[in-house]
Amino acid sequence: MKKVKLFIVLVICIVVTMLAGCSDSRDAKSDSIHYEKQTELVYASAKDINDMNPHLYAGSMPAQGMVYESLVENTKTGIKPLLAESWEISEDGKVYTFYLRGDVKFHDGEPFNAEAAKQNIEAIQSNKEKHTWIKLSTKLVGVKAVDEYTVELTLSEAYAPALDELSMTRPYVFISPNSFIDGETKNGVNGYNGTGPYKLMEHKTDEYASFQANEEYWGGEPDIKTVISKVLPAGETTFLALQKGEINFVFTDDRGADSIDIEAMDQLVESDNYQLVRSEVMNTKMIVANSSKQGSPVNEKAVRESIWHAIDRDTISKDIFNGTETAAHSLFSANVNYANIELKKRDYDLETAKQMLEEAGWELDNGAVIRTKADKKLAIQLYYDSNSSSQKTQAEFIQGSLKEIGVQLEIIGEESTSIANRRSTGDYDLLFNQTWGLAYDPHSTIAAFTSANAYLHTTSGIANATELYKKIDEVMVTMDEDTRKSLYADIMRMVHDEAVFIPVTNGSVTVVASKELKNIMFKQTQFELPFERLSFE
């Protein structure tokens, strides 16, 4: 009997020991999982990454910013080295000599050198009609590989913003020559091999795209090993995906639209699981008026000015953007180079707006709610991005304000690509748009005043268009700083006085992310984020 009891005790001891061991094992495994560093980042985007050819314009700029790089980088303290370690500019400002890094490879293993740089720039220039909004494309007349790591660019004349335009997200970035088709990129590419910190690994159209960290990246392999761009409709779908943990990162996209509205952002932050990080003012959200559209009321300066006076920017800022965007009263915010100048302020004033229309001959007949002139109704169309809930809300709000002054405003939502096409063809009265942003302005937005692909229809109908274009040509080539300041001030005053760019708010880039994500920061450009600098706790 004693032996049986002893046997039972031994069995119990063995079982207890085994259970304790299993418990320790589970605890160890649990601890291991808890402390294992997360290396995958999933962000929501309202649109597909599309064609990632960096020498064309269909692709997602945040995605392209991960894959491709430029010679130089635009930073808060000026132009800095990137693929070029240093550079020299000739005394006459026409020749730029870049000394390239010797430790850079494309994602397919092809070395990045002067010959590869030359082939890329020549491919871009062979399609320069597509790039006329970038004045550098019209000034660049030669590119030469001086030696293995020295490339020389020759311009037809001095061009002050040359380095700024070489730093842009596209088109002056580099893709492996192995990806070219028949020595060109203008008709497509057969791969997306850049030099950037991430490689595009998988793409399922309108569903997702997966990017893998470049293990041989010259700047060091990123901590975040996988970045996934997941296509989700803006609004509740994205909000719920964040709540469920299906995505852990959203940000203002390259159309200036947020995937979730302000209330949803606040709700996530209040849950204490998410953080909201906002950049400094990056851009101006605006309504662009087509001054050249014959037969349209917006062809008249008085109509454009009355619309300006009828927009209650403070209410838009406080009620629609919950104070996250500020009321804008000029095309560029004061933190943009050369833009801190005095301009006539047009306050929200419905009575002034009505008076302007009366003086311009737009009258309200007895009992009418829409003004007419020579039997023509004061009816206008405004196009907004159908993927932007804030643009839709603003459009509806502005529609109500304009009704109060006797203007019939039809609001129409379309895809961003459709709106961009309208902007370039001139098929619009009014449309929402935004300035290029800190790294690009004022020169990029102003250069686009003369481009058929951008704002030519906006500016060509104003009374002093010829003088405006002359000043734009001058400011782009003069190297004298005082002359540049004076010319930029004149240009800004001219378009301001003509009210062709009607400012609404000053916007920034917003990030909503899980609290574990660290090192959230911004570049000078609003079109890309430094994913390679992010890490999880």
Protein backbone atom coordinates (compact mmCIF):
# COMPACT_ATOMS: atom_id res chain seq x y z
CA MET A 1 0.00 0.00 0.00
CA LYS A 2 2.86 2.34 0.86
CA LYS A 3 4.41 1.60 -2.53
CA VAL A 4 1.17 2.52 -4.30
CA LYS A 5 0.94 5.78 -2.37
CA LEU A 6 4.60 6.57 -3.18
CA PHE A 7 3.97 5.83 -6.87
CA ILE A 8 0.95 8.18 -6.91
CA VAL A 9 2.98 10.95 -5.27
CA LEU A 10 5.77 10.50 -7.82
CA VAL A 11 3.28 10.66 -10.72
CA ILE A 12 1.73 13.85 -9.30
CA CYS A 13 5.20 15.42 -8.95
CA ILE A 14 6.08 14.53 -12.53
CA VAL A 15 2.79 15.98 -13.86
CA VAL A 16 3.20 19.18 -11.82
CA THR A 17 6.79 19.54 -13.06
CA MET A 18 5.67 19.02 -16.67
CA LEU A 19 2.87 21.56 -16.32
CA ALA A 20 5.25 24.04 -14.78
CA GLY A 21 7.66 23.45 -17.65
CA CYS A 22 4.89 23.97 -20.19
CA SER A 23 3.84 27.11 -18.41
CA ASP A 24 7.40 28.42 -18.44
CA SER A 25 7.65 27.51 -22.12
CA ARG A 26 4.40 29.33 -22.93
CA ASP A 27 5.52 32.34 -20.90
CA ALA A 28 8.86 32.38 -22.68
CA LYS A 29 7.17 32.11 -26.05
CA SER A 30 4.66 34.81 -25.06
CA ASP A 31 7.51 37.08 -23.96
CA SER A 32 9.31 36.39 -27.20
CA ILE A 33 6.26 37.37 -29.23
CA HIS A 34 5.66 40.43 -27.08
CA TYR A 35 9.18 41.76 -27.48
CA GLU A 36 9.70 40.79 -31.12
CA LYS A 37 10.02 44.00 -33.11
CA GLN A 38 7.28 44.61 -35.67
CA THR A 39 8.73 45.11 -39.13
CA GLU A 40 5.65 45.37 -41.37
CA LEU A 41 3.76 48.59 -42.01
CA VAL A 42 0.37 48.58 -43.76
CA TYR A 43 -1.08 51.87 -44.96
CA ALA A 44 -4.39 52.68 -46.61
CA SER A 45 -4.64 54.48 -49.92
CA ALA A 46 -7.83 55.50 -51.72
CA LYS A 47 -6.22 54.72 -55.05
CA ASP A 48 -4.00 52.09 -56.62
CA ILE A 49 -0.26 52.76 -57.01
CA ASN A 50 -0.88 52.55 -60.77
CA ASP A 51 1.99 52.66 -63.31
CA MET A 52 5.22 53.08 -61.37
CA ASN A 53 7.22 54.35 -64.36
CA PRO A 54 8.98 57.34 -62.72
CA HIS A 55 9.32 59.25 -65.99
CA LEU A 56 5.54 59.51 -66.44
CA TYR A 57 2.79 60.77 -64.16
CA ALA A 58 0.22 58.04 -63.50
CA GLY A 59 1.91 56.47 -60.48
CA SER A 60 1.42 57.10 -56.77
CA MET A 61 4.05 59.61 -55.69
CA PRO A 62 4.40 58.25 -52.11
CA ALA A 63 5.06 54.80 -53.62
CA GLN A 64 7.49 56.15 -56.22
CA GLY A 65 9.30 58.03 -53.45
CA MET A 66 10.14 54.69 -51.80
CA VAL A 67 11.55 53.14 -54.97
CA TYR A 68 13.34 55.93 -56.86
CA GLU A 69 15.82 58.66 -55.97
CA SER A 70 17.11 61.92 -57.43
CA LEU A 71 20.57 63.45 -57.64
CA VAL A 72 19.85 65.92 -54.84
CA GLU A 73 17.32 66.33 -52.04
CA ASN A 74 15.34 69.42 -51.06
CA THR A 75 15.44 69.91 -47.28
CA LYS A 76 14.41 72.58 -44.80
CA THR A 77 17.96 73.91 -44.86
CA GLY A 78 18.33 73.82 -48.63
CA ILE A 79 19.49 71.44 -51.35
CA LYS A 80 21.52 68.51 -50.00
CA PRO A 81 23.37 65.54 -51.61
CA LEU A 82 21.50 62.34 -52.42
CA LEU A 83 22.73 60.19 -55.34
CA ALA A 84 25.22 62.97 -56.07
CA GLU A 85 27.77 63.48 -53.29
CA SER A 86 28.60 66.98 -54.51
CA TRP A 87 28.28 69.28 -57.52
CA GLU A 88 29.68 72.36 -59.20
CA ILE A 89 27.94 75.09 -61.21
CA SER A 90 29.83 77.04 -63.88
CA GLU A 91 30.16 80.81 -63.55
CA ASP A 92 27.64 81.42 -66.34
CA GLY A 93 25.13 79.08 -64.63
CA LYS A 94 24.81 76.85 -67.67
CA VAL A 95 26.86 73.76 -66.72
CA TYR A 96 26.13 71.54 -63.71
CA THR A 97 28.72 68.88 -62.87
CA PHE A 98 27.59 66.16 -60.45
CA TYR A 99 29.96 63.78 -58.65
CA LEU A 100 28.01 60.58 -58.01
CA ARG A 101 28.19 58.10 -55.15
CA GLY A 102 30.23 55.03 -56.01
CA ASP A 103 28.33 52.60 -53.79
CA VAL A 104 24.86 52.63 -55.35
CA LYS A 105 23.15 49.80 -57.21
CA PHE A 106 19.76 49.52 -58.82
CA HIS A 107 17.41 46.90 -57.40
CA ASP A 108 18.34 44.48 -60.21
CA GLY A 109 22.05 44.72 -59.31
CA GLU A 110 22.98 47.08 -62.16
CA PRO A 111 25.45 49.75 -60.97
CA PHE A 112 24.26 53.34 -60.77
CA ASN A 113 26.93 55.41 -62.52
CA ALA A 114 27.31 58.35 -64.89
CA GLU A 115 26.31 56.31 -67.92
CA ALA A 116 23.10 55.11 -66.23
CA ALA A 117 22.34 58.68 -65.15
CA LYS A 118 22.94 59.91 -68.71
CA GLN A 119 20.64 57.27 -70.21
CA ASN A 120 17.86 58.19 -67.78
CA ILE A 121 18.06 61.93 -68.41
CA GLU A 122 18.15 61.39 -72.17
CA ALA A 123 15.07 59.16 -71.89
CA ILE A 124 13.25 61.88 -69.97
CA GLN A 125 14.25 64.56 -72.46
CA SER A 126 13.12 62.48 -75.43
CA ASN A 127 9.60 62.91 -74.05
CA LYS A 128 10.02 66.52 -72.91
CA GLU A 129 6.64 67.59 -74.27
CA LYS A 130 5.18 65.77 -71.26
CA HIS A 131 7.36 67.75 -68.87
CA THR A 132 6.87 71.33 -70.04
CA TRP A 133 5.47 72.31 -66.63
CA ILE A 134 9.06 71.77 -65.44
CA LYS A 135 11.03 74.53 -67.14
CA LEU A 136 14.28 72.60 -66.72
CA SER A 137 13.06 70.25 -69.46
CA THR A 138 13.04 73.19 -71.89
CA LYS A 139 16.50 74.43 -70.85
CA LEU A 140 18.44 71.14 -70.80
CA VAL A 141 20.37 70.74 -74.06
CA GLY A 142 23.08 68.21 -73.23
CA VAL A 143 24.10 65.45 -70.84
CA LYS A 144 27.56 63.87 -70.73
CA ALA A 145 29.20 61.05 -68.77
CA VAL A 146 32.58 62.64 -68.01
CA ASP A 147 33.90 59.54 -66.26
CA GLU A 148 32.42 56.59 -64.37
CA TYR A 149 30.98 58.70 -61.56
CA THR A 150 30.82 62.21 -63.02
CA VAL A 151 27.89 63.44 -65.08
CA GLU A 152 27.57 66.88 -66.66
CA LEU A 153 24.33 68.69 -67.57
CA THR A 154 24.39 71.63 -69.99
CA LEU A 155 21.57 74.19 -70.14
CA SER A 156 20.74 76.64 -72.91
CA GLU A 157 20.78 79.46 -70.35
CA ALA A 158 21.10 79.94 -66.62
CA TYR A 159 18.12 78.57 -64.73
CA ALA A 160 17.90 79.38 -61.03
CA PRO A 161 15.49 76.58 -59.92
CA ALA A 162 17.48 73.81 -61.67
CA LEU A 163 18.52 72.02 -58.47
CA ASP A 164 15.01 72.33 -57.03
CA GLU A 165 13.54 70.64 -60.09
CA LEU A 166 16.20 67.94 -60.09
CA SER A 167 15.13 67.07 -56.53
CA MET A 168 11.48 66.38 -57.39
CA THR A 169 9.75 63.03 -56.92
CA ARG A 170 9.55 62.78 -60.72
CA PRO A 171 10.58 62.82 -63.50
CA TYR A 172 14.33 63.41 -62.88
CA VAL A 173 14.83 60.18 -60.92
CA PHE A 174 16.58 57.00 -61.96
CA ILE A 175 15.48 53.54 -63.05
CA SER A 176 17.74 50.69 -64.17
CA PRO A 177 18.56 50.89 -67.89
CA ASN A 178 17.66 47.18 -67.98
CA SER A 179 14.07 48.29 -67.39
CA PHE A 180 14.01 50.47 -70.52
CA ILE A 181 12.09 49.39 -73.61
CA ASP A 182 14.05 50.00 -76.82
CA GLY A 183 16.29 52.43 -74.95
CA GLU A 184 13.32 54.57 -73.85
CA THR A 185 10.87 54.94 -70.98
CA LYS A 186 8.20 57.09 -72.63
CA ASN A 187 6.33 54.06 -73.97
CA GLY A 188 6.57 52.09 -70.74
CA VAL A 189 9.16 50.06 -68.83
CA ASN A 190 9.56 46.33 -68.21
CA GLY A 191 10.43 46.62 -64.51
CA TYR A 192 10.50 49.09 -61.64
CA ASN A 193 14.10 48.85 -60.45
CA GLY A 194 15.18 52.05 -58.76
CA THR A 195 17.94 52.80 -56.24
CA GLY A 196 15.63 53.61 -53.30
CA PRO A 197 15.25 52.01 -49.87
CA TYR A 198 12.36 49.78 -51.00
CA LYS A 199 11.72 47.41 -53.90
CA LEU A 200 8.29 46.81 -55.40
CA MET A 201 7.72 43.07 -54.93
CA GLU A 202 4.04 42.45 -55.69
CA HIS A 203 1.17 44.47 -57.12
CA LYS A 204 -2.46 43.40 -57.44
CA THR A 205 -4.33 46.22 -59.17
CA ASP A 206 -6.90 48.00 -56.99
CA GLU A 207 -6.12 45.69 -54.07
CA TYR A 208 -2.59 46.11 -52.73
CA ALA A 209 1.10 46.60 -53.45
CA SER A 210 3.95 45.16 -51.40
CA PHE A 211 7.37 46.79 -51.00
CA GLN A 212 10.38 45.01 -49.49
CA ALA A 213 13.35 46.69 -47.82
CA ASN A 214 16.41 46.99 -50.06
CA GLU A 215 19.08 44.99 -48.20
CA GLU A 216 21.84 46.64 -50.22
CA TYR A 217 20.55 50.20 -49.88
CA TRP A 218 23.47 52.62 -49.80
CA GLY A 219 21.86 54.50 -46.90
CA GLY A 220 21.48 51.33 -44.79
CA GLU A 221 18.71 48.74 -44.73
CA PRO A 222 15.46 50.20 -43.27
CA ASP A 223 14.04 48.91 -39.96
CA ILE A 224 10.62 48.50 -41.54
CA LYS A 225 11.16 45.46 -43.77
CA THR A 226 7.79 45.42 -45.53
CA VAL A 227 5.51 48.28 -46.52
CA ILE A 228 2.09 47.39 -47.91
CA SER A 229 -0.14 49.88 -49.68
CA LYS A 230 -3.71 48.63 -49.30
CA VAL A 231 -6.41 50.13 -51.52
CA LEU A 232 -9.45 51.05 -49.41
CA PRO A 233 -12.29 53.52 -49.98
CA ALA A 234 -11.80 56.71 -48.01
CA GLY A 235 -14.10 57.13 -45.01
CA GLU A 236 -15.72 54.49 -42.82
CA THR A 237 -14.03 51.50 -44.49
CA THR A 238 -10.57 52.87 -43.73
CA PHE A 239 -11.63 53.94 -40.23
CA LEU A 240 -12.89 50.44 -39.40
CA ALA A 241 -9.74 48.87 -40.86
CA LEU A 242 -7.67 51.00 -38.48
CA GLN A 243 -9.83 50.06 -35.52
CA LYS A 244 -9.52 46.35 -36.34
CA GLY A 245 -5.75 46.57 -36.81
CA GLU A 246 -5.92 45.58 -40.49
CA ILE A 247 -3.91 48.71 -41.28
CA ASN A 248 -1.75 50.77 -38.94
CA PHE A 249 -0.96 53.91 -40.90
CA VAL A 250 -2.85 56.50 -42.96
CA PHE A 251 -1.64 59.83 -44.31
CA THR A 252 -2.63 62.69 -46.58
CA ASP A 253 -2.18 61.42 -50.12
CA ASP A 254 -0.65 63.13 -53.15
CA ARG A 255 -4.02 64.66 -54.05
CA GLY A 256 -4.17 66.44 -50.71
CA ALA A 257 -6.99 64.19 -49.48
CA ASP A 258 -7.23 62.40 -46.13
CA SER A 259 -8.54 58.82 -45.99
CA ILE A 260 -10.58 59.53 -42.86
CA ASP A 261 -12.27 62.70 -41.67
CA ILE A 262 -11.33 64.85 -38.69
CA GLU A 263 -13.94 63.31 -36.35
CA ALA A 264 -12.66 59.82 -37.09
CA MET A 265 -9.07 60.93 -36.47
CA ASP A 266 -10.05 62.41 -33.10
CA GLN A 267 -11.93 59.25 -32.13
CA LEU A 268 -8.90 57.09 -32.88
CA VAL A 269 -6.56 59.33 -30.91
CA GLU A 270 -8.98 59.43 -27.96
CA SER A 271 -8.91 55.62 -27.88
CA ASP A 272 -5.27 55.99 -26.80
CA ASN A 273 -4.11 53.43 -29.36
CA TYR A 274 -3.26 55.89 -32.14
CA GLN A 275 -1.25 59.04 -32.57
CA LEU A 276 -1.85 62.00 -34.87
CA VAL A 277 1.17 63.83 -36.27
CA ARG A 278 0.87 66.87 -38.51
CA SER A 279 3.51 68.67 -40.59
CA GLU A 280 3.94 72.40 -40.82
CA VAL A 281 1.91 74.20 -43.49
CA MET A 282 2.80 72.55 -46.79
CA ASN A 283 0.34 73.91 -49.34
CA THR A 284 -2.63 76.08 -50.16
CA LYS A 285 -5.93 74.42 -51.01
CA MET A 286 -7.66 76.57 -53.60
CA ILE A 287 -10.37 76.90 -56.20
CA VAL A 288 -8.94 77.44 -59.67
CA ALA A 289 -10.95 79.66 -62.03
CA ASN A 290 -10.78 79.28 -65.82
CA SER A 291 -10.25 82.88 -66.95
CA SER A 292 -9.94 81.83 -70.62
CA LYS A 293 -13.27 80.00 -70.97
CA GLN A 294 -15.33 82.14 -73.31
CA GLY A 295 -19.00 82.32 -72.42
CA SER A 296 -18.38 81.29 -68.82
CA PRO A 297 -19.16 83.84 -66.08
CA VAL A 298 -15.75 83.12 -64.47
CA ASN A 299 -14.19 84.77 -67.52
CA GLU A 300 -15.08 88.01 -65.68
CA LYS A 301 -12.82 89.31 -62.93
CA ALA A 302 -15.81 90.72 -61.00
CA VAL A 303 -17.41 87.27 -60.80
CA ARG A 304 -14.15 85.68 -59.59
CA GLU A 305 -13.73 88.38 -56.93
CA SER A 306 -17.33 88.03 -55.77
CA ILE A 307 -16.82 84.27 -55.34
CA TRP A 308 -13.68 85.02 -53.30
CA HIS A 309 -15.66 87.33 -50.98
CA ALA A 310 -18.49 84.78 -50.65
CA ILE A 311 -16.31 82.01 -49.17
CA ASP A 312 -16.32 81.84 -45.37
CA ARG A 313 -12.85 80.43 -44.82
CA ASP A 314 -12.96 80.70 -41.04
CA THR A 315 -16.04 78.46 -40.85
CA ILE A 316 -14.46 75.99 -43.27
CA SER A 317 -11.33 75.93 -41.11
CA LYS A 318 -13.18 75.53 -37.80
CA ASP A 319 -16.19 73.39 -38.71
CA ILE A 320 -15.02 71.28 -41.64
CA PHE A 321 -11.35 70.90 -40.70
CA ASN A 322 -11.80 71.29 -36.94
CA GLY A 323 -9.01 73.87 -36.90
CA THR A 324 -6.46 71.52 -38.47
CA GLU A 325 -6.25 73.73 -41.56
CA THR A 326 -6.10 77.51 -41.40
CA ALA A 327 -7.93 80.09 -43.47
CA ALA A 328 -5.88 81.10 -46.53
CA HIS A 329 -6.00 84.56 -48.06
CA SER A 330 -3.32 84.25 -50.74
CA LEU A 331 -1.99 81.69 -53.19
CA PHE A 332 1.09 80.94 -51.08
CA SER A 333 1.48 80.85 -47.31
CA ALA A 334 4.05 83.15 -45.73
CA ASN A 335 6.51 80.28 -45.04
CA VAL A 336 7.02 79.76 -48.81
CA ASN A 337 10.16 81.39 -50.20
CA TYR A 338 9.56 84.93 -51.57
CA ALA A 339 5.86 84.79 -50.57
CA ASN A 340 5.90 86.91 -47.43
CA ILE A 341 4.58 90.04 -49.18
CA GLU A 342 1.65 92.39 -48.65
CA LEU A 343 -1.43 91.65 -50.75
CA LYS A 344 -4.94 93.07 -50.79
CA LYS A 345 -7.08 91.03 -48.39
CA ARG A 346 -10.54 90.03 -49.55
CA ASP A 347 -12.56 89.19 -46.44
CA TYR A 348 -15.69 87.12 -46.29
CA ASP A 349 -18.37 89.69 -47.10
CA LEU A 350 -21.59 88.73 -48.86
CA GLU A 351 -22.72 92.35 -49.28
CA THR A 352 -19.49 93.27 -51.06
CA ALA A 353 -19.89 90.20 -53.26
CA LYS A 354 -23.45 91.21 -54.19
CA GLN A 355 -22.39 94.78 -54.92
CA MET A 356 -19.61 93.62 -57.25
CA LEU A 357 -22.04 91.50 -59.23
CA GLU A 358 -24.56 94.35 -59.45
CA GLU A 359 -21.88 96.72 -60.75
CA ALA A 360 -20.84 94.12 -63.33
CA GLY A 361 -24.38 93.96 -64.67
CA TRP A 362 -25.50 90.72 -63.03
CA GLU A 363 -28.97 91.53 -61.73
CA LEU A 364 -31.64 89.78 -59.71
CA ASP A 365 -35.06 90.13 -61.32
CA ASN A 366 -38.10 90.35 -59.07
CA GLY A 367 -38.56 87.07 -57.25
CA ALA A 368 -35.53 85.45 -58.91
CA VAL A 369 -32.84 83.64 -56.93
CA ILE A 370 -30.27 83.41 -59.74
CA ARG A 371 -28.75 86.52 -61.30
CA THR A 372 -28.86 87.13 -65.03
CA LYS A 373 -27.15 89.41 -67.54
CA ALA A 374 -28.43 89.74 -71.12
CA ASP A 375 -30.78 86.83 -70.43
CA LYS A 376 -27.87 84.63 -69.38
CA LYS A 377 -27.94 82.93 -65.97
CA LEU A 378 -25.05 83.25 -63.55
CA ALA A 379 -24.56 79.48 -63.49
CA ILE A 380 -21.16 77.87 -62.81
CA GLN A 381 -19.81 74.33 -62.33
CA LEU A 382 -17.31 73.34 -59.63
CA TYR A 383 -15.43 70.02 -59.87
CA TYR A 384 -14.13 68.26 -56.76
CA ASP A 385 -12.27 65.01 -56.08
CA SER A 386 -14.89 62.32 -55.46
CA ASN A 387 -12.45 60.50 -53.15
CA SER A 388 -12.15 63.49 -50.83
CA SER A 389 -14.95 63.81 -48.28
CA SER A 390 -13.63 67.22 -47.19
CA GLN A 391 -13.73 68.61 -50.73
CA LYS A 392 -17.32 67.42 -51.11
CA THR A 393 -18.31 69.05 -47.83
CA GLN A 394 -16.57 72.29 -48.79
CA ALA A 395 -18.24 72.26 -52.21
CA GLU A 396 -21.68 71.88 -50.62
CA PHE A 397 -20.94 74.66 -48.13
CA ILE A 398 -19.70 77.02 -50.85
CA GLN A 399 -22.70 76.12 -53.00
CA GLY A 400 -24.98 77.42 -50.23
CA SER A 401 -22.95 80.63 -49.82
CA LEU A 402 -22.99 81.42 -53.54
CA LYS A 403 -26.74 80.87 -53.66
CA GLU A 404 -27.07 83.72 -51.15
CA ILE A 405 -25.45 86.14 -53.63
CA GLY A 406 -27.44 84.88 -56.60
CA VAL A 407 -24.97 82.41 -58.13
CA GLN A 408 -26.08 78.94 -59.20
CA LEU A 409 -23.23 76.53 -58.44
CA GLU A 410 -23.42 72.96 -59.69
CA ILE A 411 -20.96 70.70 -57.86
CA ILE A 412 -19.60 67.62 -59.62
CA GLY A 413 -17.41 64.90 -58.12
CA GLU A 414 -14.92 63.09 -60.36
CA GLU A 415 -11.77 60.99 -60.04
CA SER A 416 -8.58 63.01 -59.59
CA THR A 417 -7.25 61.90 -62.99
CA SER A 418 -10.39 63.23 -64.68
CA ILE A 419 -10.05 66.57 -62.90
CA ALA A 420 -6.38 66.80 -63.90
CA ASN A 421 -7.43 66.22 -67.50
CA ARG A 422 -10.02 68.98 -67.26
CA ARG A 423 -7.37 71.32 -65.89
CA SER A 424 -5.08 70.65 -68.85
CA THR A 425 -7.80 70.82 -71.51
CA GLY A 426 -9.64 73.84 -70.08
CA ASP A 427 -12.93 71.96 -69.74
CA TYR A 428 -14.02 73.56 -66.46
CA ASP A 429 -15.34 76.72 -64.81
CA LEU A 430 -13.98 76.07 -61.32
CA LEU A 431 -12.13 73.14 -59.79
CA PHE A 432 -10.43 72.30 -56.50
CA ASN A 433 -6.65 72.09 -56.57
CA GLN A 434 -3.62 72.79 -54.41
CA THR A 435 -0.19 74.33 -54.76
CA TRP A 436 2.79 72.05 -55.25
CA GLY A 437 4.08 72.67 -51.74
CA LEU A 438 7.12 73.84 -49.83
CA ALA A 439 9.87 72.00 -51.68
CA TYR A 440 8.50 73.04 -55.05
CA ASP A 441 7.18 76.53 -54.53
CA PRO A 442 6.89 79.20 -55.55
CA HIS A 443 8.73 78.29 -58.76
CA SER A 444 6.85 75.08 -59.68
CA THR A 445 3.34 76.42 -59.27
CA ILE A 446 4.31 79.68 -60.97
CA ALA A 447 6.06 77.88 -63.85
CA ALA A 448 2.83 75.92 -64.31
CA PHE A 449 1.00 79.20 -65.06
CA THR A 450 2.38 78.94 -68.59
CA SER A 451 1.93 75.17 -69.09
CA ALA A 452 -0.94 73.74 -71.15
CA ASN A 453 -0.77 70.68 -68.88
CA ALA A 454 -1.44 72.80 -65.81
CA TYR A 455 -2.64 76.39 -65.35
CA LEU A 456 -2.42 77.97 -68.80
CA HIS A 457 -6.23 78.08 -69.08
CA THR A 458 -6.38 79.61 -65.62
CA THR A 459 -4.07 82.50 -66.40
CA SER A 460 -4.32 83.14 -70.16
CA GLY A 461 -7.62 85.00 -69.96
CA ILE A 462 -6.47 87.76 -67.61
CA ALA A 463 -5.90 91.27 -68.92
CA ASN A 464 -2.12 91.32 -68.37
CA ALA A 465 -1.30 87.71 -69.29
CA THR A 466 1.51 88.66 -71.71
CA GLU A 467 3.26 90.74 -69.06
CA LEU A 468 2.77 87.95 -66.51
CA TYR A 469 4.42 85.36 -68.76
CA LYS A 470 7.31 87.71 -69.50
CA LYS A 471 8.01 88.15 -65.81
CA ILE A 472 7.82 84.38 -65.27
CA ASP A 473 10.41 83.84 -68.00
CA GLU A 474 12.65 86.47 -66.38
CA VAL A 475 12.43 85.16 -62.83
CA MET A 476 13.39 81.65 -63.94
CA VAL A 477 16.68 82.73 -65.48
CA THR A 478 17.94 85.60 -63.35
CA MET A 479 20.53 84.67 -60.76
CA ASP A 480 20.35 88.02 -58.95
CA GLU A 481 18.51 87.50 -55.66
CA ASP A 482 17.07 91.01 -55.37
CA THR A 483 15.71 90.84 -58.91
CA ARG A 484 14.15 87.45 -58.18
CA LYS A 485 12.39 88.80 -55.08
CA SER A 486 11.00 91.74 -57.01
CA LEU A 487 9.79 89.61 -59.93
CA TYR A 488 8.17 86.99 -57.70
CA ALA A 489 6.36 89.74 -55.79
CA ASP A 490 5.06 91.22 -59.06
CA ILE A 491 3.87 87.81 -60.31
CA MET A 492 2.08 87.01 -57.07
CA ARG A 493 0.36 90.39 -57.00
CA MET A 494 -0.80 90.06 -60.62
CA VAL A 495 -2.57 86.71 -60.15
CA HIS A 496 -3.86 87.82 -56.74
CA ASP A 497 -5.42 90.97 -58.20
CA GLU A 498 -7.03 88.95 -60.99
CA ALA A 499 -8.48 86.43 -58.49
CA VAL A 500 -7.83 83.39 -60.70
CA PHE A 501 -6.52 81.31 -57.79
CA ILE A 502 -9.08 81.58 -54.99
CA PRO A 503 -7.43 80.37 -51.77
CA VAL A 504 -9.47 78.44 -49.22
CA THR A 505 -7.20 76.88 -46.56
CA ASN A 506 -3.57 76.18 -45.85
CA GLY A 507 -3.02 72.44 -45.59
CA SER A 508 -0.44 70.11 -44.16
CA VAL A 509 0.37 66.40 -44.27
CA THR A 510 -1.42 64.40 -41.58
CA VAL A 511 -0.37 60.99 -40.29
CA VAL A 512 -2.55 58.75 -38.12
CA ALA A 513 -0.62 55.72 -36.92
CA SER A 514 -0.47 53.15 -34.14
CA LYS A 515 1.30 54.46 -31.05
CA GLU A 516 4.10 51.92 -31.35
CA LEU A 517 5.38 53.54 -34.54
CA LYS A 518 8.29 55.88 -33.92
CA ASN A 519 10.34 58.46 -35.83
CA ILE A 520 7.37 59.84 -37.77
CA MET A 521 8.68 62.80 -39.70
CA PHE A 522 8.13 64.65 -42.95
CA LYS A 523 10.09 65.69 -45.99
CA GLN A 524 9.89 69.13 -47.55
CA THR A 525 7.68 67.62 -50.22
CA GLN A 526 4.04 66.84 -49.46
CA PHE A 527 4.10 63.97 -51.94
CA GLU A 528 6.26 61.43 -50.13
CA LEU A 529 7.20 60.23 -46.66
CA PRO A 530 10.53 58.87 -45.35
CA PHE A 531 9.29 55.32 -44.68
CA GLU A 532 12.90 54.17 -44.39
CA ARG A 533 13.31 56.21 -41.18
CA LEU A 534 10.29 54.72 -39.40
CA SER A 535 10.50 51.95 -36.82
CA PHE A 536 8.31 50.18 -34.26
CA GLU A 537 9.12 50.01 -30.58
